[in-house]
Every structure is written in structure tokens, then in C-alpha cells.
């Protein structure tokens, strides 16, 4: 397990906690019969921290494999 993996797991945990906190906050507002205007500041900060920590673990995404199934040059001509 590398450092990138640990940072990625930590980022997912932070995002999960932020989602849980928002759901809990909305439930509290329903009990108090108040309108939901947005998540609290601490949840927004958790979201930012979680999103910033995720790109450290995105090295597994390789996009150069797409299109290798198709031939490199396709001659298509429109018939008029």
C-alpha cells in the first residue's frame, strides 16, 4: 500500500463523513421545522478537503487504452 492509496482512502472517508453530516443536519432541520438553505461551514470544509485529497490517488486512471479495439485508420466515404 502506497501513500497515494492511503490518501485516497482518507479522502473517500472524509467525503463519506461530509455526506453523513449533511444528512444528519437535514434531519435535525426537519425536526426543528426549519428550511434547508445549505450545508454548514464545517461540511463544506470537509468536502473541499476530501476533493483535494482524491487526485493523489487517481493515477490508476489510464485513458490511452480507449479505441485500441478499432483499426487506427478507417476509410469511410459518403455515397451521394
PDB file of N, CA and C in Angstrom:
ATOM      1  N   UNK A   1       0.842  -1.181   0.000  1.00  0.00           N
ATOM      2  CA  UNK A   1       0.000   0.000   0.000  1.00  0.00           C
ATOM      3  C   UNK A   1       0.879   1.234   0.000  1.00  0.00           C
ATOM      4  N   UNK A   2       0.665   2.038  -1.014  1.00  0.00           N
ATOM      5  CA  UNK A   2       1.453   3.244  -1.112  1.00  0.00           C
ATOM      6  C   UNK A   2       0.776   4.419  -0.436  1.00  0.00           C
ATOM      7  N   UNK A   3       1.484   5.499  -0.431  1.00  0.00           N
ATOM      8  CA  UNK A   3       0.968   6.715   0.179  1.00  0.00           C
ATOM      9  C   UNK A   3      -0.248   7.233  -0.572  1.00  0.00           C
ATOM     10  N   UNK A   4      -0.248   7.104  -1.892  1.00  0.00           N
ATOM     11  CA  UNK A   4      -1.387   7.553  -2.687  1.00  0.00           C
ATOM     12  C   UNK A   4      -2.658   6.804  -2.348  1.00  0.00           C
ATOM     13  N   UNK A   5      -2.529   5.500  -2.098  1.00  0.00           N
ATOM     14  CA  UNK A   5      -3.689   4.694  -1.725  1.00  0.00           C
ATOM     15  C   UNK A   5      -4.256   5.139  -0.386  1.00  0.00           C
ATOM     16  N   UNK A   6      -3.390   5.386   0.576  1.00  0.00           N
ATOM     17  CA  UNK A   6      -3.827   5.805   1.904  1.00  0.00           C
ATOM     18  C   UNK A   6      -4.493   7.174   1.840  1.00  0.00           C
ATOM     19  N   UNK A   7      -3.915   8.086   1.063  1.00  0.00           N
ATOM     20  CA  UNK A   7      -4.518   9.414   0.908  1.00  0.00           C
ATOM     21  C   UNK A   7      -5.871   9.306   0.217  1.00  0.00           C
ATOM     22  N   UNK A   8      -5.984   8.422  -0.762  1.00  0.00           N
ATOM     23  CA  UNK A   8      -7.257   8.222  -1.454  1.00  0.00           C
ATOM     24  C   UNK A   8      -8.329   7.667  -0.537  1.00  0.00           C
ATOM     25  N   UNK A   9      -7.971   6.683   0.282  1.00  0.00           N
ATOM     26  CA  UNK A   9      -8.925   6.121   1.239  1.00  0.00           C
ATOM     27  C   UNK A   9      -9.345   7.183   2.246  1.00  0.00           C
ATOM     28  N   UNK A  10      -8.396   7.967   2.697  1.00  0.00           N
ATOM     29  CA  UNK A  10      -8.713   9.052   3.633  1.00  0.00           C
ATOM     30  C   UNK A  10      -9.656  10.063   2.983  1.00  0.00           C
ATOM     31  N   UNK A  11      -9.437  10.373   1.714  1.00  0.00           N
ATOM     32  CA  UNK A  11     -10.324  11.296   1.004  1.00  0.00           C
ATOM     33  C   UNK A  11     -11.732  10.758   0.884  1.00  0.00           C
ATOM     34  N   UNK A  12     -11.858   9.463   0.585  1.00  0.00           N
ATOM     35  CA  UNK A  12     -13.187   8.843   0.494  1.00  0.00           C
ATOM     36  C   UNK A  12     -13.874   8.849   1.854  1.00  0.00           C
ATOM     37  N   UNK A  13     -13.124   8.592   2.912  1.00  0.00           N
ATOM     38  CA  UNK A  13     -13.706   8.629   4.253  1.00  0.00           C
ATOM     39  C   UNK A  13     -14.176  10.030   4.623  1.00  0.00           C
ATOM     40  N   UNK A  14     -13.398  11.032   4.264  1.00  0.00           N
ATOM     41  CA  UNK A  14     -13.789  12.415   4.551  1.00  0.00           C
ATOM     42  C   UNK A  14     -15.050  12.782   3.777  1.00  0.00           C
ATOM     43  N   UNK A  15     -15.122  12.392   2.506  1.00  0.00           N
ATOM     44  CA  UNK A  15     -16.321  12.677   1.715  1.00  0.00           C
ATOM     45  C   UNK A  15     -17.541  11.927   2.264  1.00  0.00           C
ATOM     46  N   UNK A  16     -17.351  10.706   2.708  1.00  0.00           N
ATOM     47  CA  UNK A  16     -18.450   9.947   3.293  1.00  0.00           C
ATOM     48  C   UNK A  16     -18.948  10.600   4.575  1.00  0.00           C
ATOM     49  N   UNK A  17     -18.033  11.078   5.397  1.00  0.00           N
ATOM     50  CA  UNK A  17     -18.429  11.754   6.630  1.00  0.00           C
ATOM     51  C   UNK A  17     -19.154  13.060   6.336  1.00  0.00           C
ATOM     52  N   UNK A  18     -18.724  13.782   5.329  1.00  0.00           N
ATOM     53  CA  UNK A  18     -19.396  15.018   4.957  1.00  0.00           C
ATOM     54  C   UNK A  18     -20.823  14.733   4.482  1.00  0.00           C
ATOM     55  N   UNK A  19     -21.000  13.667   3.707  1.00  0.00           N
ATOM     56  CA  UNK A  19     -22.340  13.293   3.251  1.00  0.00           C
ATOM     57  C   UNK A  19     -23.220  12.904   4.432  1.00  0.00           C
ATOM     58  N   UNK A  20     -22.675  12.113   5.360  1.00  0.00           N
ATOM     59  CA  UNK A  20     -23.430  11.707   6.542  1.00  0.00           C
ATOM     60  C   UNK A  20     -23.793  12.922   7.393  1.00  0.00           C
ATOM     61  N   UNK A  21     -22.866  13.860   7.554  1.00  0.00           N
ATOM     62  CA  UNK A  21     -23.132  15.062   8.345  1.00  0.00           C
ATOM     63  C   UNK A  21     -24.230  15.909   7.720  1.00  0.00           C
ATOM     64  N   UNK A  22     -24.238  15.985   6.400  1.00  0.00           N
ATOM     65  CA  UNK A  22     -25.282  16.757   5.724  1.00  0.00           C
ATOM     66  C   UNK A  22     -26.648  16.105   5.911  1.00  0.00           C
ATOM     67  N   UNK A  23     -26.711  14.788   5.793  1.00  0.00           N
ATOM     68  CA  UNK A  23     -27.979  14.078   6.004  1.00  0.00           C
ATOM     69  C   UNK A  23     -28.459  14.256   7.440  1.00  0.00           C
ATOM     70  N   UNK A  24     -27.545  14.167   8.382  1.00  0.00           N
ATOM     71  CA  UNK A  24     -27.903  14.355   9.781  1.00  0.00           C
ATOM     72  C   UNK A  24     -28.376  15.787  10.027  1.00  0.00           C
ATOM     73  N   UNK A  25     -27.731  16.759   9.429  1.00  0.00           N
ATOM     74  CA  UNK A  25     -28.111  18.165   9.582  1.00  0.00           C
ATOM     75  C   UNK A  25     -29.500  18.420   8.999  1.00  0.00           C
ATOM     76  N   UNK A  26     -29.790  17.827   7.844  1.00  0.00           N
ATOM     77  CA  UNK A  26     -31.123  17.989   7.249  1.00  0.00           C
ATOM     78  C   UNK A  26     -32.201  17.346   8.117  1.00  0.00           C
ATOM     79  N   UNK A  27     -31.888  16.212   8.718  1.00  0.00           N
ATOM     80  CA  UNK A  27     -32.830  15.576   9.641  1.00  0.00           C
ATOM     81  C   UNK A  27     -33.109  16.450  10.854  1.00  0.00           C
ATOM     82  N   UNK A  28     -32.069  17.072  11.372  1.00  0.00           N
ATOM     83  CA  UNK A  28     -32.228  17.986  12.504  1.00  0.00           C
ATOM     84  C   UNK A  28     -33.092  19.181  12.124  1.00  0.00           C
ATOM     85  N   UNK A  29     -32.895  19.709  10.920  1.00  0.00           N
ATOM     86  CA  UNK A  29     -33.713  20.835  10.472  1.00  0.00           C
ATOM     87  C   UNK A  29     -35.175  20.435  10.308  1.00  0.00           C
ATOM     88  N   UNK A  30     -35.434  19.202   9.869  1.00  0.00           N
ATOM     89  CA  UNK A  30     -36.822  18.736   9.755  1.00  0.00           C
ATOM     90  C   UNK A  30     -37.490  18.666  11.119  1.00  0.00           C
ATOM     91  N   UNK A  31     -36.733  18.202  12.116  1.00  0.00           N
ATOM     92  CA  UNK A  31     -37.283  18.133  13.463  1.00  0.00           C
ATOM     93  C   UNK A  31     -37.592  19.527  13.991  1.00  0.00           C
ATOM     94  N   UNK A  32     -36.694  20.476  13.722  1.00  0.00           N
ATOM     95  CA  UNK A  32     -36.885  21.847  14.185  1.00  0.00           C
ATOM     96  C   UNK A  32     -37.801  22.646  13.269  1.00  0.00           C
ATOM     97  N   UNK A  33     -38.261  22.029  12.178  1.00  0.00           N
ATOM     98  CA  UNK A  33     -39.156  22.647  11.203  1.00  0.00           C
ATOM     99  C   UNK A  33     -38.570  23.938  10.619  1.00  0.00           C
ATOM    100  N   UNK A  34     -37.312  23.862  10.225  1.00  0.00           N
ATOM    101  CA  UNK A  34     -36.639  24.991   9.573  1.00  0.00           C
ATOM    102  C   UNK A  34     -36.337  24.635   8.129  1.00  0.00           C
ATOM    103  N   UNK A  35     -36.086  25.650   7.319  1.00  0.00           N
ATOM    104  CA  UNK A  35     -35.790  25.476   5.896  1.00  0.00           C
ATOM    105  C   UNK A  35     -34.310  25.173   5.710  1.00  0.00           C
ATOM    106  N   UNK A  36     -34.004  24.247   4.779  1.00  0.00           N
ATOM    107  CA  UNK A  36     -32.611  23.922   4.456  1.00  0.00           C
ATOM    108  C   UNK A  36     -32.094  24.946   3.452  1.00  0.00           C
ATOM    109  N   UNK A  37     -31.098  25.703   3.864  1.00  0.00           N
ATOM    110  CA  UNK A  37     -30.536  26.724   2.972  1.00  0.00           C
ATOM    111  C   UNK A  37     -29.164  26.323   2.443  1.00  0.00           C
ATOM    112  N   UNK A  38     -28.577  25.320   3.006  1.00  0.00           N
ATOM    113  CA  UNK A  38     -27.266  24.865   2.559  1.00  0.00           C
ATOM    114  C   UNK A  38     -26.560  24.139   3.679  1.00  0.00           C
ATOM    115  N   UNK A  39     -25.493  23.429   3.342  1.00  0.00           N
ATOM    116  CA  UNK A  39     -24.761  22.685   4.384  1.00  0.00           C
ATOM    117  C   UNK A  39     -23.985  23.643   5.288  1.00  0.00           C
ATOM    118  N   UNK A  40     -23.704  23.215   6.505  1.00  0.00           N
ATOM    119  CA  UNK A  40     -22.912  24.056   7.408  1.00  0.00           C
ATOM    120  C   UNK A  40     -21.482  24.237   6.898  1.00  0.00           C
ATOM    121  N   UNK A  41     -20.798  25.185   7.476  1.00  0.00           N
ATOM    122  CA  UNK A  41     -19.444  25.527   7.041  1.00  0.00           C
ATOM    123  C   UNK A  41     -18.478  24.360   7.230  1.00  0.00           C
ATOM    124  N   UNK A  42     -18.607  23.634   8.332  1.00  0.00           N
ATOM    125  CA  UNK A  42     -17.670  22.527   8.559  1.00  0.00           C
ATOM    126  C   UNK A  42     -17.846  21.418   7.519  1.00  0.00           C
ATOM    127  N   UNK A  43     -19.059  21.221   7.028  1.00  0.00           N
ATOM    128  CA  UNK A  43     -19.289  20.216   5.985  1.00  0.00           C
ATOM    129  C   UNK A  43     -18.670  20.681   4.665  1.00  0.00           C
ATOM    130  N   UNK A  44     -18.794  21.958   4.363  1.00  0.00           N
ATOM    131  CA  UNK A  44     -18.188  22.494   3.140  1.00  0.00           C
ATOM    132  C   UNK A  44     -16.668  22.345   3.200  1.00  0.00           C
ATOM    133  N   UNK A  45     -16.085  22.606   4.356  1.00  0.00           N
ATOM    134  CA  UNK A  45     -14.632  22.441   4.505  1.00  0.00           C
ATOM    135  C   UNK A  45     -14.226  20.973   4.357  1.00  0.00           C
ATOM    136  N   UNK A  46     -15.042  20.056   4.894  1.00  0.00           N
ATOM    137  CA  UNK A  46     -14.751  18.630   4.721  1.00  0.00           C
ATOM    138  C   UNK A  46     -14.822  18.231   3.251  1.00  0.00           C
ATOM    139  N   UNK A  47     -15.801  18.760   2.534  1.00  0.00           N
ATOM    140  CA  UNK A  47     -15.911  18.463   1.105  1.00  0.00           C
ATOM    141  C   UNK A  47     -14.684  18.937   0.345  1.00  0.00           C
ATOM    142  N   UNK A  48     -14.239  20.130   0.651  1.00  0.00           N
ATOM    143  CA  UNK A  48     -13.053  20.670  -0.030  1.00  0.00           C
ATOM    144  C   UNK A  48     -11.825  19.819   0.286  1.00  0.00           C
ATOM    145  N   UNK A  49     -11.664  19.444   1.555  1.00  0.00           N
ATOM    146  CA  UNK A  49     -10.516  18.608   1.934  1.00  0.00           C
ATOM    147  C   UNK A  49     -10.584  17.241   1.253  1.00  0.00           C
ATOM    148  N   UNK A  50     -11.772  16.668   1.178  1.00  0.00           N
ATOM    149  CA  UNK A  50     -11.923  15.357   0.549  1.00  0.00           C
ATOM    150  C   UNK A  50     -11.652  15.398  -0.935  1.00  0.00           C
ATOM    151  N   UNK A  51     -12.141  16.426  -1.612  1.00  0.00           N
ATOM    152  CA  UNK A  51     -11.940  16.541  -3.051  1.00  0.00           C
ATOM    153  C   UNK A  51     -10.480  16.829  -3.379  1.00  0.00           C
ATOM    154  N   UNK A  52      -9.839  17.648  -2.557  1.00  0.00           N
ATOM    155  CA  UNK A  52      -8.429  17.966  -2.802  1.00  0.00           C
ATOM    156  C   UNK A  52      -7.557  16.729  -2.597  1.00  0.00           C
ATOM    157  N   UNK A  53      -7.924  15.864  -1.665  1.00  0.00           N
ATOM    158  CA  UNK A  53      -7.087  14.697  -1.394  1.00  0.00           C
ATOM    159  C   UNK A  53      -7.308  13.570  -2.398  1.00  0.00           C
ATOM    160  N   UNK A  54      -8.398  13.561  -3.136  1.00  0.00           N
ATOM    161  CA  UNK A  54      -8.656  12.479  -4.074  1.00  0.00           C
ATOM    162  C   UNK A  54      -7.731  12.444  -5.287  1.00  0.00           C
ATOM    163  N   UNK A  55      -7.353  13.563  -5.898  1.00  0.00           N
ATOM    164  CA  UNK A  55      -6.483  13.459  -7.082  1.00  0.00           C
ATOM    165  C   UNK A  55      -5.142  12.789  -6.813  1.00  0.00           C
ATOM    166  N   UNK A  56      -4.742  12.657  -5.584  1.00  0.00           N
ATOM    167  CA  UNK A  56      -3.491  11.976  -5.274  1.00  0.00           C
ATOM    168  C   UNK A  56      -3.572  10.493  -5.637  1.00  0.00           C
ATOM    169  N   UNK A  57      -4.770   9.956  -5.695  1.00  0.00           N
ATOM    170  CA  UNK A  57      -4.926   8.532  -5.936  1.00  0.00           C
ATOM    171  C   UNK A  57      -5.527   8.233  -7.309  1.00  0.00           C
ATOM    172  N   UNK A  58      -5.569   9.176  -8.198  1.00  0.00           N
ATOM    173  CA  UNK A  58      -6.174   8.957  -9.497  1.00  0.00           C
ATOM    174  C   UNK A  58      -5.171   8.490 -10.545  1.00  0.00           C
ATOM    175  N   UNK A  59      -3.992   8.033 -10.127  1.00  0.00           N
ATOM    176  CA  UNK A  59      -3.007   7.578 -11.090  1.00  0.00           C
ATOM    177  C   UNK A  59      -3.399   6.253 -11.730  1.00  0.00           C
ATOM    178  N   UNK A  60      -4.411   5.563 -11.184  1.00  0.00           N
ATOM    179  CA  UNK A  60      -4.849   4.312 -11.789  1.00  0.00           C
ATOM    180  C   UNK A  60      -5.708   4.546 -13.018  1.00  0.00           C
ATOM    181  N   UNK A  61      -6.163   5.757 -13.242  1.00  0.00           N
ATOM    182  CA  UNK A  61      -6.989   6.054 -14.405  1.00  0.00           C
ATOM    183  C   UNK A  61      -6.090   6.284 -15.615  1.00  0.00           C
ATOM    184  N   UNK A  62      -6.129   5.384 -16.551  1.00  0.00           N
ATOM    185  CA  UNK A  62      -5.335   5.490 -17.765  1.00  0.00           C
ATOM    186  C   UNK A  62      -6.309   5.551 -18.925  1.00  0.00           C
ATOM    187  N   UNK A  63      -6.237   6.622 -19.680  1.00  0.00           N
ATOM    188  CA  UNK A  63      -7.200   6.827 -20.745  1.00  0.00           C
ATOM    189  C   UNK A  63      -6.638   6.512 -22.132  1.00  0.00           C
ATOM    190  N   UNK A  64      -5.391   6.086 -22.229  1.00  0.00           N
ATOM    191  CA  UNK A  64      -4.828   5.824 -23.545  1.00  0.00           C
ATOM    192  C   UNK A  64      -5.189   4.435 -24.070  1.00  0.00           C
ATOM    193  N   UNK A  65      -5.985   3.661 -23.339  1.00  0.00           N
ATOM    194  CA  UNK A  65      -6.388   2.335 -23.809  1.00  0.00           C
ATOM    195  C   UNK A  65      -7.645   2.392 -24.665  1.00  0.00           C
ATOM    196  N   UNK A  66      -8.299   3.513 -24.705  1.00  0.00           N
ATOM    197  CA  UNK A  66      -9.558   3.616 -25.428  1.00  0.00           C
ATOM    198  C   UNK A  66      -9.312   3.608 -26.936  1.00  0.00           C
ATOM    199  N   UNK A  67     -10.126   2.912 -27.629  1.00  0.00           N
ATOM    200  CA  UNK A  67     -10.044   2.899 -29.074  1.00  0.00           C
ATOM    201  C   UNK A  67      -9.038   1.926 -29.642  1.00  0.00           C
ATOM    202  N   UNK A  68      -8.410   1.106 -28.840  1.00  0.00           N
ATOM    203  CA  UNK A  68      -7.434   0.146 -29.359  1.00  0.00           C
ATOM    204  C   UNK A  68      -8.112  -1.026 -30.055  1.00  0.00           C
ATOM    205  N   UNK A  69      -9.392  -1.192 -29.830  1.00  0.00           N
ATOM    206  CA  UNK A  69     -10.137  -2.260 -30.475  1.00  0.00           C
ATOM    207  C   UNK A  69     -10.369  -1.945 -31.946  1.00  0.00           C
ATOM    208  N   UNK A  70     -10.475  -0.680 -32.274  1.00  0.00           N
ATOM    209  CA  UNK A  70     -10.758  -0.259 -33.635  1.00  0.00           C
ATOM    210  C   UNK A  70      -9.463  -0.098 -34.419  1.00  0.00           C
ATOM    211  N   UNK A  71      -9.529  -0.288 -35.719  1.00  0.00           N
ATOM    212  CA  UNK A  71      -8.310  -0.087 -36.519  1.00  0.00           C
ATOM    213  C   UNK A  71      -7.895   1.385 -36.487  1.00  0.00           C
ATOM    214  N   UNK A  72      -6.605   1.632 -36.611  1.00  0.00           N
ATOM    215  CA  UNK A  72      -6.129   3.020 -36.485  1.00  0.00           C
ATOM    216  C   UNK A  72      -6.625   3.942 -37.589  1.00  0.00           C
ATOM    217  N   UNK A  73      -6.875   3.403 -38.786  1.00  0.00           N
ATOM    218  CA  UNK A  73      -7.341   4.254 -39.869  1.00  0.00           C
ATOM    219  C   UNK A  73      -8.568   3.599 -40.527  1.00  0.00           C
ATOM    220  N   UNK A  74      -9.621   4.349 -40.584  1.00  0.00           N
ATOM    221  CA  UNK A  74     -10.849   3.839 -41.160  1.00  0.00           C
ATOM    222  C   UNK A  74     -11.203   4.747 -42.345  1.00  0.00           C
ATOM    223  N   UNK A  75     -11.332   4.138 -43.519  1.00  0.00           N
ATOM    224  CA  UNK A  75     -11.705   4.913 -44.699  1.00  0.00           C
ATOM    225  C   UNK A  75     -13.210   4.817 -44.893  1.00  0.00           C
ATOM    226  N   UNK A  76     -13.896   5.868 -44.513  1.00  0.00           N
ATOM    227  CA  UNK A  76     -15.342   5.933 -44.708  1.00  0.00           C
ATOM    228  C   UNK A  76     -15.640   6.994 -45.736  1.00  0.00           C
ATOM    229  N   UNK A  77     -16.383   6.616 -46.753  1.00  0.00           N
ATOM    230  CA  UNK A  77     -16.763   7.567 -47.786  1.00  0.00           C
ATOM    231  C   UNK A  77     -18.277   7.641 -47.857  1.00  0.00           C
ATOM    232  N   UNK A  78     -18.777   8.833 -47.956  1.00  0.00           N
ATOM    233  CA  UNK A  78     -20.219   9.017 -48.061  1.00  0.00           C
ATOM    234  C   UNK A  78     -20.651   8.813 -49.505  1.00  0.00           C
ATOM    235  N   UNK A  79     -21.718   8.081 -49.692  1.00  0.00           N
ATOM    236  CA  UNK A  79     -22.256   7.886 -51.025  1.00  0.00           C
ATOM    237  C   UNK A  79     -23.311   8.945 -51.273  1.00  0.00           C
ATOM    238  N   UNK A  80     -23.168   9.624 -52.376  1.00  0.00           N
ATOM    239  CA  UNK A  80     -24.141  10.670 -52.718  1.00  0.00           C
ATOM    240  C   UNK A  80     -25.125  10.216 -53.776  1.00  0.00           C
TER     241      UNK A  80
END
